[in-house]
Amino acid sequence: MDSESLILLIAACCGVFGLVAWIGLMAVPAWQSYGRLWQRAAAVFLTLYALAAFMIVGTALGVAVIWFWDRLAA
């Protein structure tokens, strides 16, 4: 397996694990917290804002690691 295939495999696994974590830790509890369908749908929709915040923070941390890698590796 070449390095590009390995990177794509790791990215796909991270995407699947992230989706499963969002469903299990955020979407399902939000869905179960309300009784009416529109309230449930709104609660799940609002979890997307939290998901976006987690993605932004994760991307920022990843960029910071890449930016400061030469200082961290020493």
N, C-alpha and C. Protein backbone atom coordinates (compact mmCIF):
# COMPACT_ATOMS: atom_id res chain seq x y z
N MET A 1 0.85 -1.18 0.00
CA MET A 1 0.00 0.00 0.00
C MET A 1 0.89 1.24 0.00
N ASP A 2 0.66 2.09 -0.96
CA ASP A 2 1.48 3.30 -1.02
C ASP A 2 0.97 4.33 -0.01
N SER A 3 1.74 5.40 0.15
CA SER A 3 1.44 6.37 1.20
C SER A 3 0.15 7.14 0.92
N GLU A 4 -0.17 7.38 -0.33
CA GLU A 4 -1.41 8.10 -0.64
C GLU A 4 -2.63 7.27 -0.29
N SER A 5 -2.58 5.99 -0.58
CA SER A 5 -3.69 5.11 -0.22
C SER A 5 -3.85 5.00 1.29
N LEU A 6 -2.74 4.97 2.00
CA LEU A 6 -2.79 4.92 3.45
C LEU A 6 -3.40 6.19 4.03
N ILE A 7 -3.04 7.34 3.48
CA ILE A 7 -3.61 8.62 3.93
C ILE A 7 -5.12 8.64 3.68
N LEU A 8 -5.54 8.18 2.51
CA LEU A 8 -6.97 8.15 2.20
C LEU A 8 -7.71 7.18 3.11
N LEU A 9 -7.12 6.05 3.42
CA LEU A 9 -7.74 5.09 4.33
C LEU A 9 -7.88 5.68 5.73
N ILE A 10 -6.85 6.33 6.22
CA ILE A 10 -6.90 6.95 7.55
C ILE A 10 -7.94 8.07 7.57
N ALA A 11 -8.00 8.89 6.53
CA ALA A 11 -8.98 9.97 6.47
C ALA A 11 -10.40 9.42 6.43
N ALA A 12 -10.62 8.34 5.69
CA ALA A 12 -11.95 7.74 5.63
C ALA A 12 -12.34 7.16 6.98
N CYS A 13 -11.42 6.49 7.64
CA CYS A 13 -11.71 5.93 8.97
C CYS A 13 -12.01 7.04 9.98
N CYS A 14 -11.26 8.13 9.92
CA CYS A 14 -11.52 9.26 10.82
C CYS A 14 -12.89 9.86 10.54
N GLY A 15 -13.26 9.97 9.30
CA GLY A 15 -14.59 10.49 8.95
C GLY A 15 -15.71 9.60 9.46
N VAL A 16 -15.55 8.30 9.30
CA VAL A 16 -16.57 7.35 9.78
C VAL A 16 -16.65 7.39 11.30
N PHE A 17 -15.51 7.37 11.97
CA PHE A 17 -15.52 7.40 13.44
C PHE A 17 -16.09 8.72 13.95
N GLY A 18 -15.80 9.82 13.29
CA GLY A 18 -16.36 11.11 13.68
C GLY A 18 -17.86 11.16 13.51
N LEU A 19 -18.35 10.60 12.41
CA LEU A 19 -19.79 10.55 12.18
C LEU A 19 -20.49 9.69 13.22
N VAL A 20 -19.91 8.55 13.53
CA VAL A 20 -20.48 7.67 14.56
C VAL A 20 -20.47 8.35 15.92
N ALA A 21 -19.40 9.06 16.24
CA ALA A 21 -19.32 9.78 17.52
C ALA A 21 -20.38 10.88 17.56
N TRP A 22 -20.57 11.62 16.47
CA TRP A 22 -21.60 12.67 16.46
C TRP A 22 -22.99 12.07 16.65
N ILE A 23 -23.26 10.99 15.96
CA ILE A 23 -24.57 10.36 16.08
C ILE A 23 -24.79 9.86 17.51
N GLY A 24 -23.80 9.14 18.04
CA GLY A 24 -23.97 8.52 19.35
C GLY A 24 -23.91 9.49 20.52
N LEU A 25 -23.08 10.52 20.41
CA LEU A 25 -22.88 11.40 21.55
C LEU A 25 -23.68 12.70 21.48
N MET A 26 -24.15 13.08 20.30
CA MET A 26 -24.84 14.36 20.19
C MET A 26 -26.23 14.23 19.59
N ALA A 27 -26.36 13.56 18.46
CA ALA A 27 -27.65 13.53 17.76
C ALA A 27 -28.68 12.68 18.49
N VAL A 28 -28.30 11.51 18.95
CA VAL A 28 -29.26 10.63 19.63
C VAL A 28 -29.75 11.24 20.95
N PRO A 29 -28.86 11.76 21.82
CA PRO A 29 -29.38 12.39 23.04
C PRO A 29 -30.25 13.62 22.74
N ALA A 30 -29.91 14.39 21.72
CA ALA A 30 -30.74 15.55 21.37
C ALA A 30 -32.11 15.08 20.87
N TRP A 31 -32.13 14.02 20.10
CA TRP A 31 -33.39 13.48 19.56
C TRP A 31 -34.27 12.97 20.69
N GLN A 32 -33.68 12.32 21.68
CA GLN A 32 -34.45 11.73 22.77
C GLN A 32 -34.89 12.75 23.82
N SER A 33 -34.40 13.95 23.76
CA SER A 33 -34.71 14.95 24.78
C SER A 33 -36.07 15.61 24.58
N TYR A 34 -36.65 15.50 23.41
CA TYR A 34 -37.89 16.20 23.12
C TYR A 34 -38.94 15.21 22.63
N GLY A 35 -40.21 15.64 22.70
CA GLY A 35 -41.31 14.76 22.35
C GLY A 35 -41.87 14.98 20.96
N ARG A 36 -41.97 16.23 20.55
CA ARG A 36 -42.56 16.52 19.25
C ARG A 36 -41.52 16.39 18.15
N LEU A 37 -41.98 16.02 16.96
CA LEU A 37 -41.06 15.79 15.85
C LEU A 37 -40.29 17.04 15.47
N TRP A 38 -40.96 18.19 15.41
CA TRP A 38 -40.27 19.42 15.01
C TRP A 38 -39.23 19.82 16.05
N GLN A 39 -39.49 19.56 17.33
CA GLN A 39 -38.52 19.87 18.37
C GLN A 39 -37.30 18.95 18.26
N ARG A 40 -37.56 17.70 17.99
CA ARG A 40 -36.46 16.75 17.81
C ARG A 40 -35.59 17.13 16.63
N ALA A 41 -36.23 17.46 15.50
CA ALA A 41 -35.48 17.85 14.31
C ALA A 41 -34.67 19.12 14.55
N ALA A 42 -35.26 20.08 15.25
CA ALA A 42 -34.54 21.32 15.56
C ALA A 42 -33.35 21.05 16.47
N ALA A 43 -33.52 20.18 17.45
CA ALA A 43 -32.43 19.87 18.37
C ALA A 43 -31.27 19.19 17.63
N VAL A 44 -31.59 18.26 16.74
CA VAL A 44 -30.54 17.60 15.96
C VAL A 44 -29.87 18.60 15.03
N PHE A 45 -30.65 19.50 14.44
CA PHE A 45 -30.07 20.53 13.58
C PHE A 45 -29.11 21.42 14.36
N LEU A 46 -29.46 21.77 15.58
CA LEU A 46 -28.60 22.63 16.39
C LEU A 46 -27.31 21.93 16.82
N THR A 47 -27.32 20.60 16.87
CA THR A 47 -26.07 19.91 17.18
C THR A 47 -25.05 20.07 16.06
N LEU A 48 -25.52 20.43 14.87
CA LEU A 48 -24.58 20.67 13.78
C LEU A 48 -23.69 21.87 14.06
N TYR A 49 -24.20 22.85 14.82
CA TYR A 49 -23.38 23.99 15.21
C TYR A 49 -22.25 23.54 16.14
N ALA A 50 -22.57 22.66 17.08
CA ALA A 50 -21.54 22.13 17.96
C ALA A 50 -20.53 21.30 17.17
N LEU A 51 -21.02 20.52 16.21
CA LEU A 51 -20.12 19.75 15.35
C LEU A 51 -19.19 20.66 14.56
N ALA A 52 -19.73 21.75 14.04
CA ALA A 52 -18.90 22.70 13.30
C ALA A 52 -17.86 23.33 14.21
N ALA A 53 -18.23 23.65 15.43
CA ALA A 53 -17.27 24.22 16.37
C ALA A 53 -16.15 23.23 16.68
N PHE A 54 -16.50 21.97 16.88
CA PHE A 54 -15.47 20.96 17.12
C PHE A 54 -14.55 20.81 15.90
N MET A 55 -15.12 20.88 14.71
CA MET A 55 -14.30 20.77 13.50
C MET A 55 -13.36 21.96 13.35
N ILE A 56 -13.84 23.15 13.67
CA ILE A 56 -13.00 24.35 13.58
C ILE A 56 -11.86 24.28 14.58
N VAL A 57 -12.16 23.87 15.82
CA VAL A 57 -11.12 23.76 16.84
C VAL A 57 -10.11 22.68 16.45
N GLY A 58 -10.57 21.56 15.96
CA GLY A 58 -9.67 20.50 15.53
C GLY A 58 -8.78 20.90 14.38
N THR A 59 -9.35 21.62 13.43
CA THR A 59 -8.56 22.12 12.30
C THR A 59 -7.52 23.12 12.77
N ALA A 60 -7.92 24.01 13.68
CA ALA A 60 -6.98 25.01 14.20
C ALA A 60 -5.83 24.34 14.95
N LEU A 61 -6.13 23.32 15.73
CA LEU A 61 -5.07 22.60 16.44
C LEU A 61 -4.15 21.87 15.46
N GLY A 62 -4.74 21.28 14.42
CA GLY A 62 -3.92 20.62 13.41
C GLY A 62 -3.01 21.58 12.68
N VAL A 63 -3.52 22.74 12.34
CA VAL A 63 -2.71 23.76 11.68
C VAL A 63 -1.60 24.25 12.61
N ALA A 64 -1.92 24.40 13.90
CA ALA A 64 -0.91 24.84 14.87
C ALA A 64 0.21 23.80 15.00
N VAL A 65 -0.15 22.53 15.00
CA VAL A 65 0.88 21.48 15.08
C VAL A 65 1.76 21.51 13.85
N ILE A 66 1.15 21.65 12.69
CA ILE A 66 1.94 21.71 11.45
C ILE A 66 2.83 22.96 11.44
N TRP A 67 2.28 24.09 11.88
CA TRP A 67 3.03 25.35 11.86
C TRP A 67 4.23 25.30 12.80
N PHE A 68 4.06 24.71 13.99
CA PHE A 68 5.12 24.69 14.99
C PHE A 68 5.85 23.35 15.06
N TRP A 69 5.72 22.51 14.03
CA TRP A 69 6.30 21.17 14.08
C TRP A 69 7.81 21.19 14.29
N ASP A 70 8.51 22.11 13.64
CA ASP A 70 9.96 22.16 13.78
C ASP A 70 10.36 22.52 15.21
N ARG A 71 9.56 23.32 15.90
CA ARG A 71 9.88 23.66 17.29
C ARG A 71 9.46 22.54 18.25
N LEU A 72 8.41 21.80 17.91
CA LEU A 72 7.94 20.72 18.77
C LEU A 72 8.83 19.48 18.66
N ALA A 73 9.40 19.24 17.49
CA ALA A 73 10.18 18.05 17.26
C ALA A 73 11.57 18.13 17.90
N ALA A 74 12.03 19.32 18.20
CA ALA A 74 13.38 19.47 18.74
C ALA A 74 13.45 19.16 20.22
